Amino acid sequence: GHVTVTRSFKVTDKALTLPVVSDAVSEISKITAPIAPYLEEGMRIIKGKAEETLPESVKDKVESCVTNLDSLACNGLDQLTSAVPALRSATPDLVETASFMIAQFGIWLADSALAILEYPLSLVCTSLSSKVQHVRRHL
């Protein structure tokens, strides 16, 4: 059978320890719940196509780049929390203000990721590209 491994990023785990991030993720999850199945299905299809078509050497290079970016992001998050210690404690005002901004950022990030994937997908599968366009219209 085919074994699927879900990658966990160190920066995600580290960021989720911050109350403001954890609360914002909770709020974003509520907002994005209606489109989550489309995003999950799209990512599953993209991952499957990439696993089928990319040579091992490309997969290895991508894995190396992702690992390096994850480390850089962790270092950046450490610097940010050192510079802004309030991020380590729950601050209702900070959460209220940041939740809206983070929700907007989350939507922008999802749209950007889909925009990046849209063209390569159109080369592989027109119907998948159409699905990505459909999801982007609902962001």
Protein backbone atom coordinates (compact mmCIF):
# COMPACT_ATOMS: atom_id res chain seq x y z
CA GLY A 1 0.00 0.00 0.00
CA HIS A 2 0.91 3.64 -0.32
CA VAL A 3 2.09 5.30 2.89
CA THR A 4 1.47 9.03 3.21
CA VAL A 5 3.71 11.03 5.53
CA THR A 6 2.44 14.41 6.67
CA ARG A 7 5.26 16.86 7.23
CA SER A 8 5.26 18.88 10.42
CA PHE A 9 7.22 22.10 10.46
CA LYS A 10 9.20 23.14 13.53
CA VAL A 11 8.14 26.74 13.04
CA THR A 12 4.46 25.75 13.13
CA ASP A 13 4.88 23.89 16.41
CA LYS A 14 6.89 26.78 17.86
CA ALA A 15 4.42 29.44 16.71
CA LEU A 16 1.45 27.54 18.10
CA THR A 17 2.96 27.77 21.60
CA LEU A 18 2.32 31.53 21.48
CA PRO A 19 -1.17 32.31 22.81
CA VAL A 20 -1.82 35.01 20.22
CA VAL A 21 -1.00 32.62 17.36
CA SER A 22 -2.97 29.76 18.84
CA ASP A 23 -6.03 31.99 19.32
CA ALA A 24 -5.68 33.45 15.83
CA VAL A 25 -5.40 29.99 14.27
CA SER A 26 -8.55 29.01 16.10
CA GLU A 27 -10.37 32.04 14.68
CA ILE A 28 -8.99 31.48 11.17
CA SER A 29 -10.11 27.86 11.34
CA LYS A 30 -13.66 29.03 12.02
CA ILE A 31 -13.55 31.50 9.12
CA THR A 32 -11.98 29.12 6.60
CA ALA A 33 -13.99 26.04 7.59
CA PRO A 34 -16.30 26.29 4.53
CA ILE A 35 -13.39 26.17 2.06
CA ALA A 36 -11.12 23.82 4.04
CA PRO A 37 -12.31 20.68 2.20
CA TYR A 38 -11.44 22.27 -1.16
CA LEU A 39 -7.99 23.31 0.05
CA GLU A 40 -7.32 19.87 1.55
CA GLU A 41 -8.45 18.07 -1.60
CA GLY A 42 -6.40 20.38 -3.80
CA MET A 43 -3.29 19.85 -1.69
CA ARG A 44 -3.85 16.07 -1.71
CA ILE A 45 -4.08 16.05 -5.52
CA ILE A 46 -1.07 18.35 -5.93
CA LYS A 47 1.02 16.24 -3.57
CA GLY A 48 0.01 13.07 -5.39
CA LYS A 49 0.89 14.52 -8.81
CA ALA A 50 4.22 15.81 -7.51
CA GLU A 51 5.09 12.45 -5.98
CA GLU A 52 4.23 10.70 -9.25
CA THR A 53 6.03 13.04 -11.63
CA LEU A 54 9.00 14.69 -9.92
CA PRO A 55 12.38 12.97 -10.12
CA GLU A 56 13.96 11.97 -6.79
CA SER A 57 16.74 14.54 -7.26
CA VAL A 58 14.17 17.36 -7.45
CA LYS A 59 12.29 15.98 -4.42
CA ASP A 60 15.58 15.91 -2.46
CA LYS A 61 16.39 19.53 -3.41
CA VAL A 62 12.89 20.69 -2.46
CA GLU A 63 13.12 18.83 0.86
CA SER A 64 16.48 20.47 1.59
CA CYS A 65 15.11 23.93 0.76
CA VAL A 66 12.02 23.38 2.91
CA THR A 67 14.16 22.23 5.85
CA ASN A 68 16.40 25.30 5.51
CA LEU A 69 13.40 27.64 5.28
CA ASP A 70 11.85 26.00 8.34
CA SER A 71 15.05 26.62 10.32
CA LEU A 72 15.26 30.23 9.14
CA ALA A 73 11.63 30.79 10.09
CA CYS A 74 12.25 29.32 13.56
CA ASN A 75 15.21 31.64 14.07
CA GLY A 76 13.12 34.61 12.91
CA LEU A 77 10.32 33.67 15.29
CA ASP A 78 12.82 33.40 18.16
CA GLN A 79 14.10 36.89 17.34
CA LEU A 80 10.57 38.28 17.14
CA THR A 81 9.49 36.84 20.49
CA SER A 82 12.71 38.15 22.06
CA ALA A 83 12.04 41.63 20.66
CA VAL A 84 8.33 41.55 21.59
CA PRO A 85 7.97 39.53 24.82
CA ALA A 86 4.24 40.38 25.02
CA LEU A 87 3.71 37.78 22.30
CA ARG A 88 4.42 35.07 24.88
CA SER A 89 1.52 36.02 27.11
CA ALA A 90 -2.20 36.12 26.44
CA THR A 91 -3.24 39.71 25.90
CA PRO A 92 -6.95 40.09 25.05
CA ASP A 93 -6.44 43.43 23.31
CA LEU A 94 -3.54 42.04 21.31
CA VAL A 95 -5.57 38.97 20.37
CA GLU A 96 -8.59 41.03 19.32
CA THR A 97 -6.54 43.35 17.12
CA ALA A 98 -4.24 40.65 15.81
CA SER A 99 -7.00 38.13 15.09
CA PHE A 100 -8.52 40.30 12.37
CA MET A 101 -5.12 41.12 10.88
CA ILE A 102 -3.98 37.50 11.03
CA ALA A 103 -7.25 36.32 9.48
CA GLN A 104 -6.68 38.75 6.61
CA PHE A 105 -3.09 37.55 6.32
CA GLY A 106 -4.24 33.90 6.37
CA ILE A 107 -6.67 34.55 3.52
CA TRP A 108 -3.98 36.43 1.58
CA LEU A 109 -1.51 33.60 2.23
CA ALA A 110 -3.98 30.94 1.04
CA ASP A 111 -4.74 32.98 -2.08
CA SER A 112 -1.03 33.51 -2.76
CA ALA A 113 -0.26 29.80 -2.36
CA LEU A 114 -3.08 28.91 -4.72
CA ALA A 115 -1.94 31.58 -7.20
CA ILE A 116 1.56 30.10 -7.20
CA LEU A 117 0.18 26.61 -7.81
CA GLU A 118 -2.38 27.64 -10.42
CA TYR A 119 -0.05 27.88 -13.43
CA PRO A 120 1.91 24.63 -12.85
CA LEU A 121 -1.39 22.86 -12.23
CA SER A 122 -2.78 24.16 -15.50
CA LEU A 123 0.10 22.38 -17.25
CA VAL A 124 -0.65 19.10 -15.48
CA CYS A 125 -4.41 19.07 -15.16
CA THR A 126 -6.90 21.61 -16.52
CA SER A 127 -9.76 20.48 -14.27
CA LEU A 128 -7.58 20.84 -11.17
CA SER A 129 -6.54 24.31 -12.30
CA SER A 130 -10.22 25.20 -12.64
CA LYS A 131 -10.88 23.97 -9.09
CA VAL A 132 -8.04 26.15 -7.79
CA GLN A 133 -9.54 29.16 -9.60
CA HIS A 134 -12.92 28.34 -8.04
CA VAL A 135 -11.44 28.22 -4.52
CA ARG A 136 -9.55 31.51 -5.07
CA ARG A 137 -12.79 33.24 -6.07
CA HIS A 138 -14.26 32.31 -2.67
CA LEU A 139 -11.38 33.73 -0.61
